[in-house]
Amino acid sequence: MELSIALLNFVYAIFGALMTLVFMMIGYRIFDKITPFDTSRQLSEKNIAVGIVVGSIFIGLGIAIGLVIGMGLN
């Protein structure tokens, strides 16, 4: 009985992690569309300011979406 609950929670965690990654990718693409510069090019040119902003967006989206998905799955 306990093994099935643990396995189900593991499946929920994997599903939540995959959904979080998908939404983070969508968030990055939206950010790339609303900025007047090419974010990918700026990152490849080692623009530290853009890297910090993109990293902050990933952290913020990851926390927010991860919590929402985690609370929704339990």
N, C-alpha and C. Protein backbone atom coordinates (compact mmCIF):
# COMPACT_ATOMS: atom_id res chain seq x y z
N MET A 1 0.82 -1.20 0.00
CA MET A 1 0.00 0.00 0.00
C MET A 1 0.86 1.25 0.00
N GLU A 2 1.86 1.29 0.87
CA GLU A 2 2.72 2.48 0.94
C GLU A 2 3.59 2.63 -0.30
N LEU A 3 3.95 1.52 -0.91
CA LEU A 3 4.77 1.58 -2.12
C LEU A 3 3.99 2.22 -3.27
N SER A 4 2.72 1.91 -3.39
CA SER A 4 1.93 2.50 -4.47
C SER A 4 1.74 4.00 -4.25
N ILE A 5 1.61 4.43 -3.01
CA ILE A 5 1.49 5.87 -2.73
C ILE A 5 2.79 6.58 -3.06
N ALA A 6 3.92 5.97 -2.69
CA ALA A 6 5.22 6.57 -2.98
C ALA A 6 5.45 6.63 -4.49
N LEU A 7 5.07 5.58 -5.20
CA LEU A 7 5.23 5.56 -6.65
C LEU A 7 4.35 6.61 -7.31
N LEU A 8 3.12 6.77 -6.84
CA LEU A 8 2.22 7.77 -7.38
C LEU A 8 2.76 9.18 -7.13
N ASN A 9 3.29 9.42 -5.95
CA ASN A 9 3.89 10.73 -5.66
C ASN A 9 5.11 10.99 -6.54
N PHE A 10 5.88 9.95 -6.83
CA PHE A 10 7.03 10.11 -7.72
C PHE A 10 6.58 10.46 -9.13
N VAL A 11 5.53 9.81 -9.61
CA VAL A 11 5.00 10.12 -10.94
C VAL A 11 4.48 11.55 -10.98
N TYR A 12 3.79 11.99 -9.91
CA TYR A 12 3.32 13.37 -9.82
C TYR A 12 4.49 14.35 -9.87
N ALA A 13 5.56 14.03 -9.18
CA ALA A 13 6.73 14.92 -9.14
C ALA A 13 7.37 15.03 -10.53
N ILE A 14 7.50 13.91 -11.22
CA ILE A 14 8.08 13.93 -12.57
C ILE A 14 7.18 14.71 -13.52
N PHE A 15 5.88 14.48 -13.44
CA PHE A 15 4.93 15.20 -14.29
C PHE A 15 4.98 16.70 -14.00
N GLY A 16 5.04 17.05 -12.74
CA GLY A 16 5.12 18.47 -12.36
C GLY A 16 6.41 19.11 -12.84
N ALA A 17 7.51 18.39 -12.76
CA ALA A 17 8.79 18.92 -13.23
C ALA A 17 8.77 19.14 -14.74
N LEU A 18 8.20 18.21 -15.48
CA LEU A 18 8.12 18.36 -16.93
C LEU A 18 7.21 19.53 -17.31
N MET A 19 6.10 19.67 -16.62
CA MET A 19 5.21 20.80 -16.90
C MET A 19 5.88 22.13 -16.57
N THR A 20 6.65 22.16 -15.48
CA THR A 20 7.37 23.38 -15.11
C THR A 20 8.38 23.76 -16.18
N LEU A 21 9.10 22.78 -16.71
CA LEU A 21 10.07 23.06 -17.78
C LEU A 21 9.38 23.58 -19.03
N VAL A 22 8.24 23.01 -19.37
CA VAL A 22 7.51 23.48 -20.55
C VAL A 22 7.06 24.92 -20.37
N PHE A 23 6.51 25.23 -19.20
CA PHE A 23 6.06 26.60 -18.96
C PHE A 23 7.23 27.58 -18.86
N MET A 24 8.38 27.13 -18.38
CA MET A 24 9.55 28.00 -18.35
C MET A 24 10.02 28.30 -19.78
N MET A 25 9.94 27.31 -20.66
CA MET A 25 10.31 27.54 -22.06
C MET A 25 9.34 28.52 -22.72
N ILE A 26 8.06 28.38 -22.42
CA ILE A 26 7.07 29.31 -22.96
C ILE A 26 7.33 30.71 -22.43
N GLY A 27 7.64 30.83 -21.14
CA GLY A 27 7.93 32.13 -20.55
C GLY A 27 9.15 32.79 -21.18
N TYR A 28 10.18 32.00 -21.47
CA TYR A 28 11.38 32.54 -22.12
C TYR A 28 11.05 33.05 -23.52
N ARG A 29 10.23 32.30 -24.25
CA ARG A 29 9.86 32.72 -25.61
C ARG A 29 9.02 33.99 -25.59
N ILE A 30 8.14 34.11 -24.61
CA ILE A 30 7.35 35.34 -24.48
C ILE A 30 8.28 36.51 -24.15
N PHE A 31 9.23 36.30 -23.24
CA PHE A 31 10.20 37.35 -22.91
C PHE A 31 11.00 37.74 -24.14
N ASP A 32 11.40 36.76 -24.93
CA ASP A 32 12.17 37.04 -26.15
C ASP A 32 11.35 37.86 -27.15
N LYS A 33 10.06 37.61 -27.21
CA LYS A 33 9.20 38.35 -28.16
C LYS A 33 8.95 39.79 -27.71
N ILE A 34 8.85 40.04 -26.39
CA ILE A 34 8.49 41.39 -25.93
C ILE A 34 9.70 42.31 -25.78
N THR A 35 10.90 41.77 -25.82
CA THR A 35 12.09 42.62 -25.72
C THR A 35 12.49 43.09 -27.12
N PRO A 36 13.05 44.31 -27.22
CA PRO A 36 13.41 44.84 -28.55
C PRO A 36 14.70 44.24 -29.12
N PHE A 37 15.36 43.37 -28.39
CA PHE A 37 16.61 42.77 -28.86
C PHE A 37 16.46 41.26 -28.91
N ASP A 38 17.40 40.61 -29.60
CA ASP A 38 17.40 39.16 -29.69
C ASP A 38 18.10 38.59 -28.46
N THR A 39 17.32 37.99 -27.59
CA THR A 39 17.86 37.49 -26.32
C THR A 39 18.89 36.41 -26.55
N SER A 40 18.64 35.51 -27.46
CA SER A 40 19.59 34.41 -27.72
C SER A 40 20.93 34.95 -28.21
N ARG A 41 20.90 35.95 -29.09
CA ARG A 41 22.14 36.52 -29.60
C ARG A 41 22.90 37.23 -28.48
N GLN A 42 22.18 37.95 -27.64
CA GLN A 42 22.83 38.64 -26.53
C GLN A 42 23.46 37.65 -25.55
N LEU A 43 22.80 36.53 -25.32
CA LEU A 43 23.37 35.51 -24.44
C LEU A 43 24.60 34.87 -25.06
N SER A 44 24.57 34.65 -26.38
CA SER A 44 25.73 34.06 -27.04
C SER A 44 26.92 35.02 -27.08
N GLU A 45 26.63 36.33 -27.02
CA GLU A 45 27.69 37.33 -26.96
C GLU A 45 28.15 37.59 -25.53
N LYS A 46 27.70 36.78 -24.60
CA LYS A 46 28.09 36.83 -23.18
C LYS A 46 27.70 38.14 -22.51
N ASN A 47 26.51 38.64 -22.82
CA ASN A 47 25.99 39.83 -22.17
C ASN A 47 25.51 39.44 -20.76
N ILE A 48 26.26 39.87 -19.75
CA ILE A 48 26.00 39.45 -18.38
C ILE A 48 24.66 39.97 -17.88
N ALA A 49 24.29 41.20 -18.24
CA ALA A 49 23.03 41.78 -17.77
C ALA A 49 21.84 40.96 -18.28
N VAL A 50 21.87 40.58 -19.53
CA VAL A 50 20.78 39.77 -20.09
C VAL A 50 20.77 38.40 -19.43
N GLY A 51 21.92 37.85 -19.17
CA GLY A 51 22.00 36.55 -18.49
C GLY A 51 21.41 36.58 -17.10
N ILE A 52 21.66 37.66 -16.37
CA ILE A 52 21.09 37.79 -15.03
C ILE A 52 19.57 37.91 -15.10
N VAL A 53 19.07 38.70 -16.05
CA VAL A 53 17.62 38.85 -16.19
C VAL A 53 16.96 37.53 -16.59
N VAL A 54 17.53 36.83 -17.54
CA VAL A 54 16.96 35.55 -17.98
C VAL A 54 17.03 34.53 -16.84
N GLY A 55 18.12 34.50 -16.12
CA GLY A 55 18.21 33.60 -14.97
C GLY A 55 17.17 33.92 -13.91
N SER A 56 16.95 35.20 -13.67
CA SER A 56 15.93 35.61 -12.70
C SER A 56 14.54 35.20 -13.16
N ILE A 57 14.29 35.33 -14.45
CA ILE A 57 12.99 34.91 -14.98
C ILE A 57 12.80 33.41 -14.79
N PHE A 58 13.84 32.62 -15.07
CA PHE A 58 13.73 31.18 -14.88
C PHE A 58 13.48 30.82 -13.42
N ILE A 59 14.17 31.48 -12.51
CA ILE A 59 13.98 31.19 -11.09
C ILE A 59 12.57 31.56 -10.67
N GLY A 60 12.12 32.75 -11.05
CA GLY A 60 10.77 33.19 -10.68
C GLY A 60 9.69 32.30 -11.26
N LEU A 61 9.79 31.99 -12.55
CA LEU A 61 8.80 31.12 -13.17
C LEU A 61 8.85 29.72 -12.57
N GLY A 62 10.04 29.23 -12.32
CA GLY A 62 10.17 27.89 -11.75
C GLY A 62 9.53 27.77 -10.38
N ILE A 63 9.76 28.78 -9.54
CA ILE A 63 9.16 28.75 -8.21
C ILE A 63 7.64 28.86 -8.30
N ALA A 64 7.17 29.85 -9.04
CA ALA A 64 5.72 30.10 -9.11
C ALA A 64 4.98 28.93 -9.75
N ILE A 65 5.43 28.48 -10.90
CA ILE A 65 4.73 27.41 -11.60
C ILE A 65 4.90 26.09 -10.87
N GLY A 66 6.08 25.86 -10.31
CA GLY A 66 6.30 24.64 -9.54
C GLY A 66 5.37 24.54 -8.33
N LEU A 67 5.17 25.65 -7.65
CA LEU A 67 4.25 25.64 -6.51
C LEU A 67 2.81 25.42 -6.95
N VAL A 68 2.42 26.08 -8.02
CA VAL A 68 1.04 25.91 -8.50
C VAL A 68 0.80 24.48 -8.94
N ILE A 69 1.72 23.90 -9.69
CA ILE A 69 1.55 22.53 -10.14
C ILE A 69 1.63 21.57 -8.96
N GLY A 70 2.55 21.82 -8.06
CA GLY A 70 2.68 20.95 -6.88
C GLY A 70 1.44 20.94 -6.01
N MET A 71 0.86 22.11 -5.82
CA MET A 71 -0.35 22.19 -5.00
C MET A 71 -1.54 21.59 -5.75
N GLY A 72 -1.55 21.71 -7.07
CA GLY A 72 -2.66 21.17 -7.85
C GLY A 72 -2.64 19.66 -7.94
N LEU A 73 -1.47 19.08 -7.91
CA LEU A 73 -1.36 17.63 -8.04
C LEU A 73 -1.62 16.89 -6.73
N ASN A 74 -1.46 17.57 -5.62
CA ASN A 74 -1.67 16.88 -4.33
C ASN A 74 -3.05 16.97 -3.88
